[in-house]
Amino acid sequence: MLMGRFDYTVDSKSRANFPSKFRNEMGDVLYVTKWFDKCLVAYGKEQWDKLDSRFDDMPTVQAKDMLRVLYGNAVELVPDKQGRILLPQYLKDHAGITKDIVVIGARSYAEIWDKEAYEEHQRNTDFAAIERKLIDMEF
């Protein structure tokens, strides 16, 4: 299970560390693409394949916008020996990433955020609404 927060800096060559804890669980290949809330998402191969299989029975007409966002912007990344991944400029632009990033675990995937955007998102999160959802789930 992926969980926790890790803060890193993107270097001048657009490389950023990716948590070794996550790499150990996700495997040697990461699939990174645009995600919601102006961040990026990273899946390991097993989870990417599970996501992919959900489109098998979906008519293309219904899935086309999702496919364009997820697959049209996806990149397959293999971390280097130092555990860094190379973030393409178009993905950095989507997430507003300039220098400092936050990588968070979200159970089966990781999110990659611009640090300021993540902290702003956290300040604007309605924790009371989350609490109500947890109560509804009988958490």
Protein backbone atom coordinates (compact mmCIF):
# COMPACT_ATOMS: atom_id res chain seq x y z
CA MET A 1 0.00 0.00 0.00
CA LEU A 2 1.33 3.41 -0.97
CA MET A 3 1.12 6.03 1.74
CA GLY A 4 3.03 8.98 3.06
CA ARG A 5 4.41 12.28 1.82
CA PHE A 6 7.83 12.86 0.30
CA ASP A 7 9.27 16.26 -0.65
CA TYR A 8 11.78 16.59 -3.47
CA THR A 9 13.26 19.15 -5.84
CA VAL A 10 13.19 18.90 -9.63
CA ASP A 11 16.69 19.47 -11.01
CA SER A 12 17.66 21.53 -14.07
CA LYS A 13 17.31 18.42 -16.28
CA SER A 14 13.68 17.83 -15.13
CA ARG A 15 14.64 14.85 -12.97
CA ALA A 16 13.06 14.25 -9.60
CA ASN A 17 13.51 11.59 -6.98
CA PHE A 18 10.71 9.09 -6.55
CA PRO A 19 10.36 7.43 -3.12
CA SER A 20 12.30 4.17 -2.85
CA LYS A 21 9.48 2.82 -0.69
CA PHE A 22 7.09 3.36 -3.61
CA ARG A 23 9.54 2.03 -6.23
CA ASN A 24 9.95 -1.16 -4.21
CA GLU A 25 6.18 -1.71 -4.24
CA MET A 26 5.38 -0.42 -7.73
CA GLY A 27 8.18 -2.16 -9.62
CA ASP A 28 10.76 -1.09 -12.18
CA VAL A 29 8.40 0.68 -14.58
CA LEU A 30 6.13 3.62 -13.74
CA TYR A 31 3.29 4.97 -15.85
CA VAL A 32 2.85 8.69 -15.26
CA THR A 33 0.09 10.81 -16.74
CA LYS A 34 -2.13 13.82 -16.11
CA TRP A 35 -4.47 13.51 -13.16
CA PHE A 36 -7.20 15.48 -11.52
CA ASP A 37 -6.70 18.53 -9.30
CA LYS A 38 -3.78 19.69 -11.46
CA CYS A 39 -1.38 16.97 -10.40
CA LEU A 40 0.19 13.88 -11.96
CA VAL A 41 -0.48 10.24 -11.19
CA ALA A 42 2.03 7.38 -11.17
CA TYR A 43 1.01 3.74 -11.42
CA GLY A 44 3.11 0.61 -11.30
CA LYS A 45 2.60 -1.92 -14.10
CA GLU A 46 0.19 -4.14 -12.16
CA GLN A 47 -2.09 -1.25 -11.20
CA TRP A 48 -1.82 0.31 -14.69
CA ASP A 49 -2.94 -3.02 -16.19
CA LYS A 50 -5.90 -3.12 -13.78
CA LEU A 51 -6.87 0.41 -14.82
CA ASP A 52 -6.45 -0.53 -18.47
CA SER A 53 -8.72 -3.57 -18.15
CA ARG A 54 -11.58 -1.38 -16.95
CA PHE A 55 -11.81 0.06 -20.47
CA ASP A 56 -12.18 -3.36 -22.14
CA ASP A 57 -15.98 -3.41 -22.14
CA MET A 58 -16.54 0.32 -22.34
CA PRO A 59 -17.66 1.66 -25.72
CA THR A 60 -15.04 3.92 -27.26
CA VAL A 61 -17.58 6.73 -27.59
CA GLN A 62 -18.04 6.75 -23.81
CA ALA A 63 -14.35 6.33 -23.02
CA LYS A 64 -12.73 8.59 -25.61
CA ASP A 65 -12.15 11.64 -23.39
CA MET A 66 -10.79 9.51 -20.56
CA LEU A 67 -8.54 7.63 -22.97
CA ARG A 68 -7.23 10.87 -24.43
CA VAL A 69 -6.33 12.25 -21.00
CA LEU A 70 -4.91 9.07 -19.49
CA TYR A 71 -3.21 7.41 -22.47
CA GLY A 72 -2.57 10.40 -24.71
CA ASN A 73 -0.50 12.01 -21.97
CA ALA A 74 1.03 8.88 -20.43
CA VAL A 75 4.73 8.23 -20.32
CA GLU A 76 6.47 5.02 -19.30
CA LEU A 77 9.33 5.85 -16.93
CA VAL A 78 12.12 3.73 -15.53
CA PRO A 79 13.83 5.35 -12.54
CA ASP A 80 17.60 5.75 -12.95
CA LYS A 81 20.14 4.24 -10.55
CA GLN A 82 19.65 7.18 -8.17
CA GLY A 83 15.87 6.63 -8.14
CA ARG A 84 15.07 9.69 -10.25
CA ILE A 85 12.40 9.95 -12.92
CA LEU A 86 12.44 12.34 -15.87
CA LEU A 87 9.29 14.47 -15.96
CA PRO A 88 8.36 15.64 -19.48
CA GLN A 89 7.69 19.36 -19.81
CA TYR A 90 4.04 18.89 -20.85
CA LEU A 91 3.35 16.98 -17.63
CA LYS A 92 5.19 19.55 -15.54
CA ASP A 93 3.12 22.27 -17.24
CA HIS A 94 -0.15 20.46 -16.44
CA ALA A 95 0.74 20.22 -12.75
CA GLY A 96 2.39 23.64 -12.56
CA ILE A 97 5.63 22.01 -11.45
CA THR A 98 8.60 24.32 -11.46
CA LYS A 99 11.01 23.26 -8.72
CA ASP A 100 9.68 21.72 -5.50
CA ILE A 101 7.36 18.73 -5.61
CA VAL A 102 5.43 16.56 -3.21
CA VAL A 103 4.90 12.86 -3.91
CA ILE A 104 2.08 11.31 -1.92
CA GLY A 105 0.85 7.77 -1.64
CA ALA A 106 -2.83 7.24 -2.42
CA ARG A 107 -3.21 3.53 -1.70
CA SER A 108 -2.67 1.97 -5.15
CA TYR A 109 -1.08 4.94 -6.92
CA ALA A 110 1.07 7.97 -6.21
CA GLU A 111 0.32 11.59 -6.93
CA ILE A 112 3.00 14.10 -7.92
CA TRP A 113 2.22 17.71 -7.06
CA ASP A 114 3.85 21.09 -7.28
CA LYS A 115 4.57 21.75 -3.60
CA GLU A 116 2.76 25.10 -3.41
CA ALA A 117 -0.27 23.70 -5.26
CA TYR A 118 -0.42 20.72 -2.89
CA GLU A 119 -0.24 22.88 0.19
CA GLU A 120 -2.94 25.18 -1.21
CA HIS A 121 -5.11 22.15 -1.99
CA GLN A 122 -4.64 20.91 1.58
CA ARG A 123 -5.61 24.33 2.99
CA ASN A 124 -8.80 24.24 0.91
CA THR A 125 -9.72 20.64 1.70
CA ASP A 126 -13.06 20.30 3.48
CA PHE A 127 -12.05 17.91 6.25
CA ALA A 128 -15.57 17.97 7.70
CA ALA A 129 -16.94 16.63 4.40
CA ILE A 130 -14.32 13.87 4.45
CA GLU A 131 -15.30 13.02 8.01
CA ARG A 132 -18.97 12.76 6.94
CA LYS A 133 -18.01 10.41 4.10
CA LEU A 134 -16.02 8.25 6.50
CA ILE A 135 -19.00 8.12 8.85
CA ASP A 136 -21.26 7.14 5.94
CA MET A 137 -18.80 4.33 5.21
CA GLU A 138 -19.13 3.27 8.88
CA PHE A 139 -15.40 3.86 9.26
